[in-house]
N, C-alpha and C. Protein backbone atom coordinates (compact mmCIF):
# COMPACT_ATOMS: atom_id res chain seq x y z
N UNK A 1 0.89 -1.22 0.03
CA UNK A 1 -0.02 0.09 0.02
C UNK A 1 0.91 1.07 -0.01
N UNK A 2 0.31 2.30 -0.71
CA UNK A 2 1.23 3.46 -0.90
C UNK A 2 1.12 4.36 0.47
N UNK A 3 2.15 4.62 1.12
CA UNK A 3 1.87 5.40 2.41
C UNK A 3 1.33 6.75 2.24
N UNK A 4 1.42 7.44 1.20
CA UNK A 4 0.80 8.81 0.83
C UNK A 4 -0.44 8.82 0.43
N UNK A 5 -1.10 7.58 0.11
CA UNK A 5 -2.38 7.42 -0.53
C UNK A 5 -3.46 7.49 0.48
N UNK A 6 -4.53 8.15 0.39
CA UNK A 6 -5.73 7.87 1.14
C UNK A 6 -6.51 6.71 0.93
N UNK A 7 -7.02 6.14 1.94
CA UNK A 7 -7.86 4.95 1.43
C UNK A 7 -9.55 5.46 1.65
N UNK A 8 -10.31 4.92 0.72
CA UNK A 8 -11.60 5.54 0.78
C UNK A 8 -12.46 4.43 1.62
N UNK A 9 -13.46 4.75 2.22
CA UNK A 9 -14.14 3.86 2.91
C UNK A 9 -14.93 2.87 2.15
N UNK A 10 -15.30 1.78 2.42
CA UNK A 10 -15.91 0.76 1.57
C UNK A 10 -17.32 1.33 1.13
N UNK A 11 -17.79 1.05 0.06
CA UNK A 11 -18.93 1.52 -0.38
C UNK A 11 -20.20 0.81 0.44
N UNK A 12 -21.19 1.50 0.59
CA UNK A 12 -22.20 0.89 1.67
C UNK A 12 -23.30 0.39 0.54
N UNK A 13 -23.80 -0.72 0.99
CA UNK A 13 -24.99 -1.34 0.21
C UNK A 13 -26.34 -1.04 0.72
N UNK A 14 -26.32 -0.10 1.64
CA UNK A 14 -27.65 0.10 2.38
C UNK A 14 -28.51 1.17 1.37
N UNK A 15 -29.72 1.08 1.36
CA UNK A 15 -30.72 1.82 0.77
C UNK A 15 -31.17 2.93 1.86
N UNK A 16 -30.82 4.23 1.69
CA UNK A 16 -31.23 5.19 2.55
C UNK A 16 -32.62 5.46 2.49
N UNK A 17 -33.39 5.00 1.57
CA UNK A 17 -34.92 5.17 1.61
C UNK A 17 -35.45 4.21 2.58
N UNK A 18 -34.91 2.98 2.70
CA UNK A 18 -35.59 1.98 3.60
C UNK A 18 -35.17 2.50 5.11
N UNK A 19 -33.92 3.14 5.38
CA UNK A 19 -33.59 3.76 6.55
C UNK A 19 -34.51 4.75 7.33
N UNK A 20 -34.96 5.49 6.19
CA UNK A 20 -35.96 6.86 6.30
C UNK A 20 -37.36 6.12 6.50
N UNK A 21 -37.89 5.11 5.96
CA UNK A 21 -39.05 4.61 6.04
C UNK A 21 -38.95 3.92 7.50
N UNK A 22 -37.99 3.12 8.01
CA UNK A 22 -38.12 2.65 9.08
C UNK A 22 -37.87 3.58 10.18
N UNK A 23 -37.20 4.70 9.93
CA UNK A 23 -37.37 5.86 11.13
C UNK A 23 -38.67 6.34 11.23
N UNK A 24 -39.37 6.61 10.08
CA UNK A 24 -40.77 7.09 10.06
C UNK A 24 -41.80 6.29 10.79
N UNK A 25 -41.51 4.86 10.31
CA UNK A 25 -42.38 3.88 11.03
C UNK A 25 -42.18 3.76 12.64
N UNK A 26 -40.94 4.01 12.86
CA UNK A 26 -40.75 4.04 14.44
C UNK A 26 -41.11 5.36 15.11
N UNK A 27 -41.21 6.34 14.44
CA UNK A 27 -41.78 7.61 14.87
C UNK A 27 -43.40 7.40 15.24
N UNK A 28 -44.00 6.78 14.09
CA UNK A 28 -45.34 6.60 14.21
C UNK A 28 -45.81 5.67 15.23
N UNK A 29 -44.88 4.56 15.62
CA UNK A 29 -45.30 3.45 16.60
C UNK A 29 -45.04 4.23 18.13
N UNK A 30 -44.13 5.32 18.06
CA UNK A 30 -43.98 6.00 19.30
C UNK A 30 -44.97 7.01 19.32
N UNK A 31 -45.82 7.28 18.34
CA UNK A 31 -46.63 8.53 18.59
C UNK A 31 -47.55 8.55 19.81
N UNK A 32 -48.04 7.32 20.46
CA UNK A 32 -48.63 7.25 21.57
C UNK A 32 -47.73 7.98 22.84
N UNK A 33 -46.63 7.47 22.96
CA UNK A 33 -45.91 8.05 23.87
C UNK A 33 -45.57 9.44 23.76
N UNK A 34 -45.26 9.80 22.53
CA UNK A 34 -44.98 11.30 22.22
C UNK A 34 -46.09 12.23 22.19
N UNK A 35 -47.28 11.50 22.07
CA UNK A 35 -48.52 12.19 22.10
C UNK A 35 -48.59 13.34 21.03
N UNK A 36 -48.58 12.74 19.83
CA UNK A 36 -48.53 13.42 18.64
C UNK A 36 -49.93 14.18 18.38
N UNK A 37 -50.97 13.45 18.76
CA UNK A 37 -52.28 14.12 18.75
C UNK A 37 -52.44 15.34 19.68
N UNK A 38 -51.74 15.45 20.76
CA UNK A 38 -51.83 16.47 21.68
C UNK A 38 -50.95 17.79 20.94
N UNK A 39 -49.91 17.44 20.35
CA UNK A 39 -49.11 18.36 19.70
C UNK A 39 -49.83 19.08 18.53
N UNK A 40 -50.46 18.16 17.74
CA UNK A 40 -51.30 18.65 16.59
C UNK A 40 -52.59 19.47 17.03
N UNK A 41 -53.07 19.20 18.28
CA UNK A 41 -54.11 20.03 18.69
C UNK A 41 -53.65 21.48 19.11
N UNK A 42 -52.31 21.39 19.98
CA UNK A 42 -51.78 22.58 20.38
C UNK A 42 -51.22 23.42 19.17
N UNK A 43 -50.93 22.90 17.86
CA UNK A 43 -50.51 23.58 16.80
C UNK A 43 -51.43 23.33 15.43
N UNK A 44 -52.61 23.77 15.66
CA UNK A 44 -53.56 23.50 14.64
C UNK A 44 -53.28 23.97 13.21
N UNK A 45 -52.44 25.09 13.07
CA UNK A 45 -52.16 25.56 11.76
C UNK A 45 -50.89 24.70 11.19
N UNK A 46 -50.16 23.79 12.00
CA UNK A 46 -49.18 23.01 11.34
C UNK A 46 -49.74 21.64 10.71
N UNK A 47 -49.44 21.77 9.29
CA UNK A 47 -49.69 20.38 8.46
C UNK A 47 -49.02 19.38 8.88
N UNK A 48 -47.49 19.65 9.18
CA UNK A 48 -46.70 18.58 9.53
C UNK A 48 -47.18 17.76 10.74
N UNK A 49 -47.48 18.42 11.98
CA UNK A 49 -48.13 17.69 13.04
C UNK A 49 -49.28 17.21 12.79
N UNK A 50 -50.29 17.75 12.05
CA UNK A 50 -51.71 17.13 11.41
C UNK A 50 -51.44 15.85 10.93
N UNK A 51 -50.69 15.86 9.85
CA UNK A 51 -50.39 14.58 9.21
C UNK A 51 -49.92 13.38 9.92
N UNK A 52 -48.75 13.69 10.89
CA UNK A 52 -48.36 12.77 11.76
C UNK A 52 -49.45 12.25 12.68
N UNK A 53 -50.23 13.21 13.23
CA UNK A 53 -51.41 12.71 14.16
C UNK A 53 -52.33 12.06 13.50
N UNK A 54 -52.76 12.45 12.20
CA UNK A 54 -53.71 11.69 11.52
C UNK A 54 -53.41 10.28 11.01
N UNK A 55 -52.02 9.94 10.87
CA UNK A 55 -51.59 8.65 10.51
C UNK A 55 -51.37 7.90 11.67
N UNK A 56 -51.50 8.45 12.86
CA UNK A 56 -51.52 7.85 14.16
C UNK A 56 -52.85 7.36 14.47
N UNK A 57 -53.85 8.03 14.09
CA UNK A 57 -55.21 8.02 14.68
C UNK A 57 -55.82 6.82 14.12
N UNK A 58 -57.01 6.43 14.79
CA UNK A 58 -57.83 5.30 14.09
C UNK A 58 -59.11 5.73 13.41
N UNK A 59 -59.66 4.91 12.65
CA UNK A 59 -61.06 5.48 11.82
C UNK A 59 -62.23 4.92 12.67
N UNK A 60 -63.23 5.86 12.55
CA UNK A 60 -64.29 5.34 13.24
C UNK A 60 -65.13 4.39 12.42
N UNK A 61 -65.61 3.48 12.91
CA UNK A 61 -66.53 2.35 12.21
C UNK A 61 -67.77 3.14 11.61
N UNK A 62 -68.06 2.94 10.32
CA UNK A 62 -69.32 3.29 9.79
C UNK A 62 -69.08 4.69 9.20
N UNK A 63 -68.38 5.82 9.75
CA UNK A 63 -68.29 7.02 9.17
C UNK A 63 -66.80 7.07 8.37
N UNK A 64 -66.05 6.25 8.65
CA UNK A 64 -64.63 6.38 8.08
C UNK A 64 -63.82 7.59 8.29
N UNK A 65 -64.37 8.50 9.34
CA UNK A 65 -63.75 9.66 9.76
C UNK A 65 -62.57 9.39 10.72
N UNK A 66 -61.62 10.18 10.71
CA UNK A 66 -60.58 10.12 11.74
C UNK A 66 -61.04 10.39 12.99
N UNK A 67 -60.87 9.48 14.09
CA UNK A 67 -61.14 10.03 15.37
C UNK A 67 -60.27 10.88 16.30
N UNK A 68 -59.28 11.39 15.50
CA UNK A 68 -58.29 12.34 16.28
C UNK A 68 -58.87 13.48 16.89
N UNK A 69 -59.79 14.04 16.25
CA UNK A 69 -60.49 15.40 17.07
C UNK A 69 -61.70 15.23 17.45
N UNK A 70 -62.40 13.94 17.38
CA UNK A 70 -63.78 13.70 17.69
C UNK A 70 -63.70 13.84 19.26
N UNK A 71 -65.13 14.03 19.65
CA UNK A 71 -65.31 14.06 21.13
C UNK A 71 -65.54 12.75 21.76
N UNK A 72 -64.99 12.41 22.89
CA UNK A 72 -65.28 11.22 23.41
C UNK A 72 -66.78 10.70 23.73
N UNK A 73 -67.03 9.46 23.58
CA UNK A 73 -68.36 9.10 23.93
C UNK A 73 -68.82 9.60 25.44
N UNK A 74 -69.92 10.07 25.51
CA UNK A 74 -70.50 10.36 26.57
C UNK A 74 -70.16 11.76 27.17
N UNK A 75 -69.39 12.62 26.30
CA UNK A 75 -68.85 13.92 26.59
C UNK A 75 -70.01 14.87 26.60
N UNK A 76 -71.22 14.60 25.73
CA UNK A 76 -72.45 15.49 25.68
C UNK A 76 -71.99 16.57 24.61
N UNK A 77 -70.92 16.72 24.05
CA UNK A 77 -70.72 17.53 23.03
C UNK A 77 -70.95 17.08 21.63
N UNK A 78 -71.31 17.83 20.60
CA UNK A 78 -71.49 17.20 19.22
C UNK A 78 -70.69 17.86 18.52
C-alpha cells in the first residue's frame, strides 16, 4: 500500500430510503408515547403535526372519519 495514498471507506450497500422509512415507522409507533395528537391540537395550523397525528389515529367504524379530534363518547358535545 502506498503510504501517501488515502484509502476510501468501503461502499455501503444500504438503501437510504429504507432507513428513512424505518425511522418514520418508528416515529409513528412511538406516537402514543410522544402524544402526537396533543401536539397537533396545540399547533392546529401546522400541517406537519396534523399529518403525523392523522396517520397515528384510528378510523371510526361506519363514518370512515378520523377519531383524532372527535369528542369522546358521553362527553355531551356534538
